[in-house]
Structure formats: structure tokens, C-alpha cells
Amino acid sequence: MVEKLKLEKRFIRILDTNLNRCKEGLRVVEDTCRFVLCDETLYKKIRKVRHLSSKYLTDQYEQMLTARDSIKDSGRKAKEQSRQNLKNIVIANFKRAEESLRVLEEYSKIIDFDIALKYKALRYEVYTIEKKMLLKYKNIF
């Protein structure tokens, strides 16, 4: 019984960590669209994805918050990478969001397969936005 509880807590922590990672990456891209590129259309698309990513796990929020252990998280000490330019920042944060959406897609299959499909759709939406943004502003990047 104890082992099952520990596994469940770890599972919930994976959801929590990846939801936070996804939203953080999207926020960086969103702020770039809003304040650097002044592109309201892209800004609103990214914002919508960020808000939807949270919406799908609303029922699990309290469990995720309870399972969170940011003080003991071994990722706190992970080495950070420097960024050379705006393009590196944007790409790194798109990848952060896309990878997190993939993890959310896989692990949410345990909770509700429909939620998994929604995360899959969001992931493909982010791929599309990434392509539009990087091609549209290739002269800036």
C-alpha cells in the first residue's frame, strides 16, 4: 500500500512539474511576441495555449500542489545553459513547452484519455506557432 502511494505521488509530481515547465516556456515565448515583436496575433495564440494547458488539469491542482516538493527537487541544482541571442531563447522555450506537452499527453492517459488528446492537440498547435513565428521573424532572429 505504501509503495502504491509513493508511486502515485511521483506520478502527480510529473504532471505538476511538466505543467509548470510548459507554462513557463510558453510565457517566455508569449512575452517575446508581446513586447519584442509586438505581434498581437501570435501573442494571443500562445496565451490561449498557456491557459488551456492549465485548464485540463484543474481537477488535479490540489493534488499536484500537495505532491510538490520544490525544496528537495534534484532539478534545482541542474546546470543552466547560457543563451547567445533572442533566437536561442525562443527556440529553447518552444522546445521546453513542446516536450512538456508530450509528457502531459502521455501521463494524462492514466487520468483521462480525452485530456491526453487535448494535450496532443496543444502540442501540435505549438509546433505550428513555432514555425510561423520563426519564419515570419527570421530577419529579427
N, C-alpha and C. Protein backbone atom coordinates (compact mmCIF):
# COMPACT_ATOMS: atom_id res chain seq x y z
N MET A 1 0.83 -1.21 0.00
CA MET A 1 0.00 0.00 0.00
C MET A 1 0.86 1.25 0.00
N VAL A 2 1.92 1.31 0.82
CA VAL A 2 2.80 2.47 0.89
C VAL A 2 3.48 2.70 -0.45
N GLU A 3 3.94 1.61 -1.09
CA GLU A 3 4.62 1.73 -2.38
C GLU A 3 3.69 2.34 -3.43
N LYS A 4 2.43 1.94 -3.43
CA LYS A 4 1.45 2.48 -4.37
C LYS A 4 1.26 3.98 -4.14
N LEU A 5 1.21 4.39 -2.89
CA LEU A 5 1.04 5.80 -2.55
C LEU A 5 2.24 6.61 -3.04
N LYS A 6 3.45 6.09 -2.85
CA LYS A 6 4.65 6.78 -3.31
C LYS A 6 4.66 6.92 -4.82
N LEU A 7 4.27 5.86 -5.50
CA LEU A 7 4.22 5.90 -6.95
C LEU A 7 3.19 6.93 -7.41
N GLU A 8 2.06 6.96 -6.77
CA GLU A 8 1.03 7.92 -7.12
C GLU A 8 1.53 9.35 -6.92
N LYS A 9 2.22 9.62 -5.83
CA LYS A 9 2.77 10.95 -5.57
C LYS A 9 3.79 11.33 -6.64
N ARG A 10 4.62 10.39 -7.02
CA ARG A 10 5.61 10.66 -8.07
C ARG A 10 4.93 10.97 -9.40
N PHE A 11 3.88 10.23 -9.68
CA PHE A 11 3.11 10.45 -10.90
C PHE A 11 2.51 11.86 -10.91
N ILE A 12 1.92 12.25 -9.81
CA ILE A 12 1.33 13.58 -9.69
C ILE A 12 2.41 14.66 -9.81
N ARG A 13 3.59 14.41 -9.25
CA ARG A 13 4.70 15.37 -9.37
C ARG A 13 5.15 15.53 -10.81
N ILE A 14 5.08 14.47 -11.59
CA ILE A 14 5.43 14.56 -13.02
C ILE A 14 4.46 15.49 -13.72
N LEU A 15 3.18 15.35 -13.41
CA LEU A 15 2.17 16.24 -14.01
C LEU A 15 2.43 17.69 -13.60
N ASP A 16 2.65 17.90 -12.31
CA ASP A 16 2.87 19.24 -11.79
C ASP A 16 4.11 19.88 -12.41
N THR A 17 5.20 19.15 -12.42
CA THR A 17 6.45 19.68 -12.96
C THR A 17 6.32 20.03 -14.44
N ASN A 18 5.71 19.16 -15.19
CA ASN A 18 5.61 19.41 -16.62
C ASN A 18 4.58 20.48 -16.97
N LEU A 19 3.54 20.59 -16.18
CA LEU A 19 2.60 21.68 -16.40
C LEU A 19 3.29 23.02 -16.13
N ASN A 20 4.03 23.09 -15.04
CA ASN A 20 4.77 24.32 -14.73
C ASN A 20 5.80 24.63 -15.81
N ARG A 21 6.54 23.63 -16.23
CA ARG A 21 7.57 23.80 -17.26
C ARG A 21 6.95 24.29 -18.57
N CYS A 22 5.83 23.70 -18.92
CA CYS A 22 5.13 24.09 -20.15
C CYS A 22 4.71 25.55 -20.09
N LYS A 23 4.06 25.91 -18.99
CA LYS A 23 3.57 27.28 -18.84
C LYS A 23 4.71 28.29 -18.79
N GLU A 24 5.83 27.93 -18.15
CA GLU A 24 6.98 28.83 -18.09
C GLU A 24 7.56 29.07 -19.48
N GLY A 25 7.72 27.99 -20.25
CA GLY A 25 8.25 28.12 -21.61
C GLY A 25 7.34 28.95 -22.49
N LEU A 26 6.03 28.69 -22.39
CA LEU A 26 5.07 29.45 -23.18
C LEU A 26 5.06 30.92 -22.77
N ARG A 27 5.23 31.21 -21.49
CA ARG A 27 5.24 32.60 -21.02
C ARG A 27 6.41 33.37 -21.62
N VAL A 28 7.57 32.73 -21.69
CA VAL A 28 8.74 33.40 -22.29
C VAL A 28 8.45 33.73 -23.76
N VAL A 29 7.90 32.76 -24.49
CA VAL A 29 7.57 32.99 -25.90
C VAL A 29 6.47 34.05 -26.02
N GLU A 30 5.49 33.95 -25.17
CA GLU A 30 4.38 34.92 -25.16
C GLU A 30 4.89 36.34 -24.95
N ASP A 31 5.74 36.53 -23.97
CA ASP A 31 6.29 37.86 -23.70
C ASP A 31 7.16 38.36 -24.85
N THR A 32 7.85 37.45 -25.53
CA THR A 32 8.64 37.84 -26.70
C THR A 32 7.71 38.34 -27.80
N CYS A 33 6.62 37.62 -28.03
CA CYS A 33 5.64 38.05 -29.05
C CYS A 33 5.03 39.40 -28.68
N ARG A 34 4.73 39.56 -27.43
CA ARG A 34 4.03 40.76 -26.96
C ARG A 34 4.93 41.99 -26.90
N PHE A 35 6.11 41.84 -26.29
CA PHE A 35 6.93 43.01 -26.01
C PHE A 35 8.09 43.24 -26.98
N VAL A 36 8.60 42.17 -27.58
CA VAL A 36 9.72 42.33 -28.51
C VAL A 36 9.21 42.45 -29.94
N LEU A 37 8.34 41.54 -30.33
CA LEU A 37 7.85 41.52 -31.70
C LEU A 37 6.60 42.37 -31.89
N CYS A 38 5.93 42.68 -30.80
CA CYS A 38 4.68 43.45 -30.84
C CYS A 38 3.67 42.81 -31.80
N ASP A 39 3.57 41.49 -31.72
CA ASP A 39 2.68 40.72 -32.59
C ASP A 39 1.51 40.22 -31.75
N GLU A 40 0.42 40.96 -31.83
CA GLU A 40 -0.75 40.65 -31.01
C GLU A 40 -1.37 39.30 -31.37
N THR A 41 -1.37 38.96 -32.64
CA THR A 41 -1.97 37.70 -33.07
C THR A 41 -1.23 36.50 -32.48
N LEU A 42 0.10 36.48 -32.63
CA LEU A 42 0.88 35.37 -32.07
C LEU A 42 0.82 35.37 -30.55
N TYR A 43 0.88 36.55 -29.96
CA TYR A 43 0.80 36.67 -28.51
C TYR A 43 -0.48 36.02 -27.99
N LYS A 44 -1.61 36.32 -28.63
CA LYS A 44 -2.89 35.78 -28.18
C LYS A 44 -2.99 34.27 -28.40
N LYS A 45 -2.38 33.76 -29.47
CA LYS A 45 -2.39 32.32 -29.72
C LYS A 45 -1.61 31.58 -28.63
N ILE A 46 -0.43 32.10 -28.31
CA ILE A 46 0.39 31.46 -27.27
C ILE A 46 -0.32 31.56 -25.92
N ARG A 47 -0.89 32.70 -25.63
CA ARG A 47 -1.61 32.90 -24.36
C ARG A 47 -2.76 31.90 -24.23
N LYS A 48 -3.47 31.69 -25.32
CA LYS A 48 -4.59 30.74 -25.31
C LYS A 48 -4.10 29.32 -25.00
N VAL A 49 -3.01 28.92 -25.63
CA VAL A 49 -2.44 27.59 -25.37
C VAL A 49 -2.02 27.47 -23.91
N ARG A 50 -1.37 28.52 -23.39
CA ARG A 50 -0.91 28.50 -22.00
C ARG A 50 -2.09 28.34 -21.04
N HIS A 51 -3.16 29.07 -21.29
CA HIS A 51 -4.34 28.98 -20.42
C HIS A 51 -5.01 27.60 -20.53
N LEU A 52 -5.10 27.07 -21.73
CA LEU A 52 -5.72 25.75 -21.91
C LEU A 52 -4.88 24.66 -21.24
N SER A 53 -3.57 24.80 -21.27
CA SER A 53 -2.72 23.77 -20.66
C SER A 53 -3.03 23.61 -19.17
N SER A 54 -3.36 24.69 -18.51
CA SER A 54 -3.75 24.64 -17.08
C SER A 54 -5.16 24.10 -16.89
N LYS A 55 -6.03 24.48 -17.78
CA LYS A 55 -7.45 24.15 -17.65
C LYS A 55 -7.68 22.64 -17.59
N TYR A 56 -6.93 21.88 -18.36
CA TYR A 56 -7.18 20.44 -18.46
C TYR A 56 -6.87 19.68 -17.18
N LEU A 57 -6.03 20.24 -16.32
CA LEU A 57 -5.69 19.56 -15.06
C LEU A 57 -6.22 20.31 -13.83
N THR A 58 -7.21 21.14 -14.02
CA THR A 58 -7.79 21.91 -12.91
C THR A 58 -8.22 21.00 -11.76
N ASP A 59 -8.82 19.87 -12.08
CA ASP A 59 -9.29 18.96 -11.03
C ASP A 59 -8.15 18.34 -10.22
N GLN A 60 -6.95 18.32 -10.78
CA GLN A 60 -5.80 17.73 -10.10
C GLN A 60 -4.93 18.77 -9.40
N TYR A 61 -5.31 20.04 -9.48
CA TYR A 61 -4.44 21.11 -8.96
C TYR A 61 -4.07 20.91 -7.49
N GLU A 62 -5.05 20.63 -6.65
CA GLU A 62 -4.76 20.48 -5.22
C GLU A 62 -3.82 19.30 -4.97
N GLN A 63 -4.05 18.20 -5.67
CA GLN A 63 -3.16 17.04 -5.54
C GLN A 63 -1.74 17.39 -5.99
N MET A 64 -1.62 18.12 -7.10
CA MET A 64 -0.30 18.50 -7.60
C MET A 64 0.40 19.41 -6.61
N LEU A 65 -0.33 20.35 -6.06
CA LEU A 65 0.25 21.28 -5.09
C LEU A 65 0.72 20.54 -3.85
N THR A 66 -0.07 19.59 -3.38
CA THR A 66 0.29 18.79 -2.21
C THR A 66 1.53 17.93 -2.47
N ALA A 67 1.63 17.39 -3.68
CA ALA A 67 2.75 16.50 -4.02
C ALA A 67 4.04 17.27 -4.33
N ARG A 68 3.93 18.54 -4.61
CA ARG A 68 5.10 19.35 -4.98
C ARG A 68 6.12 19.39 -3.85
N ASP A 69 7.39 19.21 -4.22
CA ASP A 69 8.47 19.28 -3.24
C ASP A 69 9.64 20.03 -3.88
N SER A 70 9.47 21.31 -4.07
CA SER A 70 10.48 22.11 -4.77
C SER A 70 11.76 22.27 -3.97
N ILE A 71 11.71 22.09 -2.66
CA ILE A 71 12.92 22.22 -1.84
C ILE A 71 13.86 21.03 -2.06
N LYS A 72 13.32 19.83 -2.12
CA LYS A 72 14.14 18.63 -2.28
C LYS A 72 14.34 18.23 -3.75
N ASP A 73 13.73 18.94 -4.66
CA ASP A 73 13.80 18.59 -6.08
C ASP A 73 15.25 18.62 -6.57
N SER A 74 15.73 17.50 -7.08
CA SER A 74 17.12 17.43 -7.56
C SER A 74 17.35 18.33 -8.76
N GLY A 75 16.29 18.72 -9.45
CA GLY A 75 16.42 19.62 -10.60
C GLY A 75 16.81 21.04 -10.23
N ARG A 76 16.68 21.39 -8.97
CA ARG A 76 17.07 22.74 -8.51
C ARG A 76 18.53 23.02 -8.78
N LYS A 77 19.34 21.99 -8.72
CA LYS A 77 20.79 22.15 -8.85
C LYS A 77 21.29 21.87 -10.27
N ALA A 78 20.36 21.65 -11.18
CA ALA A 78 20.75 21.39 -12.57
C ALA A 78 21.45 22.61 -13.15
N LYS A 79 22.47 22.37 -13.93
CA LYS A 79 23.24 23.45 -14.53
C LYS A 79 22.41 24.16 -15.59
N GLU A 80 22.41 25.47 -15.54
CA GLU A 80 21.71 26.28 -16.53
C GLU A 80 22.62 26.53 -17.73
N GLN A 81 22.01 26.68 -18.88
CA GLN A 81 22.77 26.99 -20.09
C GLN A 81 22.64 28.47 -20.41
N SER A 82 23.71 29.04 -20.93
CA SER A 82 23.62 30.43 -21.36
C SER A 82 22.92 30.48 -22.71
N ARG A 83 22.41 31.62 -23.05
CA ARG A 83 21.76 31.82 -24.34
C ARG A 83 22.54 32.91 -25.08
N GLN A 84 22.76 32.69 -26.35
CA GLN A 84 23.57 33.62 -27.13
C GLN A 84 22.77 34.79 -27.71
N ASN A 85 21.48 34.55 -27.95
CA ASN A 85 20.68 35.58 -28.60
C ASN A 85 19.18 35.29 -28.42
N LEU A 86 18.37 36.17 -28.95
CA LEU A 86 16.92 36.05 -28.84
C LEU A 86 16.42 34.75 -29.46
N LYS A 87 16.97 34.38 -30.60
CA LYS A 87 16.54 33.14 -31.27
C LYS A 87 16.77 31.94 -30.36
N ASN A 88 17.92 31.86 -29.70
CA ASN A 88 18.20 30.75 -28.78
C ASN A 88 17.20 30.71 -27.63
N ILE A 89 16.84 31.87 -27.11
CA ILE A 89 15.86 31.94 -26.03
C ILE A 89 14.51 31.42 -26.49
N VAL A 90 14.07 31.89 -27.65
CA VAL A 90 12.76 31.49 -28.17
C VAL A 90 12.73 30.00 -28.48
N ILE A 91 13.73 29.50 -29.18
CA ILE A 91 13.75 28.08 -29.53
C ILE A 91 13.80 27.20 -28.28
N ALA A 92 14.65 27.55 -27.32
CA ALA A 92 14.76 26.76 -26.09
C ALA A 92 13.42 26.69 -25.36
N ASN A 93 12.69 27.78 -25.36
CA ASN A 93 11.42 27.81 -24.65
C ASN A 93 10.29 27.15 -25.41
N PHE A 94 10.34 27.20 -26.75
CA PHE A 94 9.39 26.40 -27.52
C PHE A 94 9.63 24.92 -27.25
N LYS A 95 10.89 24.50 -27.26
CA LYS A 95 11.21 23.09 -27.03
C LYS A 95 10.79 22.66 -25.62
N ARG A 96 11.02 23.53 -24.65
CA ARG A 96 10.61 23.25 -23.26
C ARG A 96 9.10 22.98 -23.21
N ALA A 97 8.33 23.84 -23.87
CA ALA A 97 6.87 23.69 -23.86
C ALA A 97 6.44 22.44 -24.62
N GLU A 98 7.04 22.20 -25.79
CA GLU A 98 6.65 21.04 -26.60
C GLU A 98 6.95 19.73 -25.88
N GLU A 99 8.13 19.63 -25.30
CA GLU A 99 8.49 18.41 -24.58
C GLU A 99 7.58 18.19 -23.37
N SER A 100 7.27 19.26 -22.69
CA SER A 100 6.39 19.14 -21.52
C SER A 100 4.98 18.73 -21.93
N LEU A 101 4.51 19.28 -23.03
CA LEU A 101 3.19 18.88 -23.52
C LEU A 101 3.16 17.40 -23.89
N ARG A 102 4.27 16.89 -24.41
CA ARG A 102 4.34 15.46 -24.74
C ARG A 102 4.25 14.62 -23.46
N VAL A 103 4.95 15.03 -22.42
CA VAL A 103 4.88 14.30 -21.14
C VAL A 103 3.47 14.38 -20.57
N LEU A 104 2.87 15.55 -20.61
CA LEU A 104 1.49 15.70 -20.12
C LEU A 104 0.53 14.83 -20.91
N GLU A 105 0.75 14.76 -22.20
CA GLU A 105 -0.07 13.90 -23.05
C GLU A 105 0.03 12.43 -22.62
N GLU A 106 1.25 11.96 -22.43
CA GLU A 106 1.44 10.56 -22.06
C GLU A 106 0.89 10.24 -20.68
N TYR A 107 1.24 11.04 -19.69
CA TYR A 107 0.83 10.74 -18.31
C TYR A 107 -0.65 11.00 -18.06
N SER A 108 -1.25 11.90 -18.80
CA SER A 108 -2.68 12.15 -18.59
C SER A 108 -3.54 11.02 -19.17
N LYS A 109 -2.93 10.15 -19.96
CA LYS A 109 -3.67 8.98 -20.45
C LYS A 109 -4.16 8.12 -19.29
N ILE A 110 -3.44 8.16 -18.18
CA ILE A 110 -3.84 7.41 -16.99
C ILE A 110 -5.08 8.02 -16.34
N ILE A 111 -5.18 9.33 -16.40
CA ILE A 111 -6.30 10.04 -15.79
C ILE A 111 -7.53 10.01 -16.69
N ASP A 112 -7.33 10.45 -17.94
CA ASP A 112 -8.46 10.59 -18.86
C ASP A 112 -7.90 10.69 -20.27
N PHE A 113 -8.24 9.74 -21.11
CA PHE A 113 -7.69 9.70 -22.46
C PHE A 113 -8.06 10.95 -23.26
N ASP A 114 -9.23 11.52 -23.00
CA ASP A 114 -9.64 12.75 -23.70
C ASP A 114 -8.71 13.92 -23.37
N ILE A 115 -8.25 13.98 -22.12
CA ILE A 115 -7.29 15.02 -21.73
C ILE A 115 -5.99 14.80 -22.50
N ALA A 116 -5.57 13.57 -22.63
CA ALA A 116 -4.35 13.27 -23.39
C ALA A 116 -4.46 13.77 -24.82
N LEU A 117 -5.61 13.56 -25.43
CA LEU A 117 -5.82 14.02 -26.81
C LEU A 117 -5.79 15.55 -26.89
N LYS A 118 -6.28 16.21 -25.86
CA LYS A 118 -6.23 17.68 -25.83
C LYS A 118 -4.80 18.18 -25.73
N TYR A 119 -3.98 17.51 -24.92
CA TYR A 119 -2.57 17.90 -24.82
C TYR A 119 -1.85 17.64 -26.14
N LYS A 120 -2.21 16.58 -26.80
CA LYS A 120 -1.62 16.29 -28.12
C LYS A 120 -1.96 17.42 -29.10
N ALA A 121 -3.22 17.84 -29.11
CA ALA A 121 -3.64 18.93 -29.99
C ALA A 121 -2.89 20.22 -29.65
N LEU A 122 -2.70 20.51 -28.36
CA LEU A 122 -1.95 21.70 -27.97
C LEU A 122 -0.50 21.62 -28.44
N ARG A 123 0.09 20.43 -28.32
CA ARG A 123 1.48 20.25 -28.75
C ARG A 123 1.62 20.57 -30.24
N TYR A 124 0.70 20.08 -31.05
CA TYR A 124 0.76 20.36 -32.49
C TYR A 124 0.46 21.83 -32.79
N GLU A 125 -0.37 22.44 -31.99
CA GLU A 125 -0.61 23.88 -32.14
C GLU A 125 0.67 24.67 -31.87
N VAL A 126 1.41 24.27 -30.85
CA VAL A 126 2.67 24.94 -30.53
C VAL A 126 3.69 24.73 -31.65
N TYR A 127 3.74 23.53 -32.23
CA TYR A 127 4.64 23.31 -33.38
C TYR A 127 4.32 24.29 -34.51
N THR A 128 3.04 24.48 -34.76
CA THR A 128 2.59 25.37 -35.83
C THR A 128 2.95 26.83 -35.53
N ILE A 129 2.72 27.25 -34.30
CA ILE A 129 3.04 28.62 -33.90
C ILE A 129 4.55 28.85 -33.97
N GLU A 130 5.33 27.87 -33.54
CA GLU A 130 6.79 27.99 -33.60
C GLU A 130 7.24 28.23 -35.04
N LYS A 131 6.73 27.45 -35.95
CA LYS A 131 7.10 27.58 -37.36
C LYS A 131 6.73 28.97 -37.89
N LYS A 132 5.48 29.39 -37.63
CA LYS A 132 5.03 30.71 -38.08
C LYS A 132 5.91 31.82 -37.54
N MET A 133 6.18 31.75 -36.25
CA MET A 133 6.93 32.81 -35.60
C MET A 133 8.37 32.88 -36.11
N LEU A 134 9.04 31.75 -36.18
CA LEU A 134 10.44 31.76 -36.57
C LEU A 134 10.62 32.11 -38.04
N LEU A 135 9.68 31.70 -38.88
CA LEU A 135 9.78 32.07 -40.29
C LEU A 135 9.38 33.52 -40.54
N LYS A 136 8.34 33.97 -39.85
CA LYS A 136 7.88 35.34 -40.03
C LYS A 136 8.92 36.35 -39.57
N TYR A 137 9.64 36.03 -38.51
CA TYR A 137 10.61 36.98 -37.94
C TYR A 137 12.04 36.51 -38.11
N LYS A 138 12.32 35.76 -39.17
CA LYS A 138 13.68 35.24 -39.37
C LYS A 138 14.71 36.36 -39.51
N ASN A 139 14.28 37.51 -39.99
CA ASN A 139 15.22 38.64 -40.11
C ASN A 139 15.58 39.24 -38.75
N ILE A 140 14.70 39.10 -37.78
CA ILE A 140 14.96 39.60 -36.43
C ILE A 140 15.81 38.59 -35.65
N PHE A 141 15.53 37.32 -35.91
CA PHE A 141 16.25 36.28 -35.20
C PHE A 141 17.57 36.01 -35.89
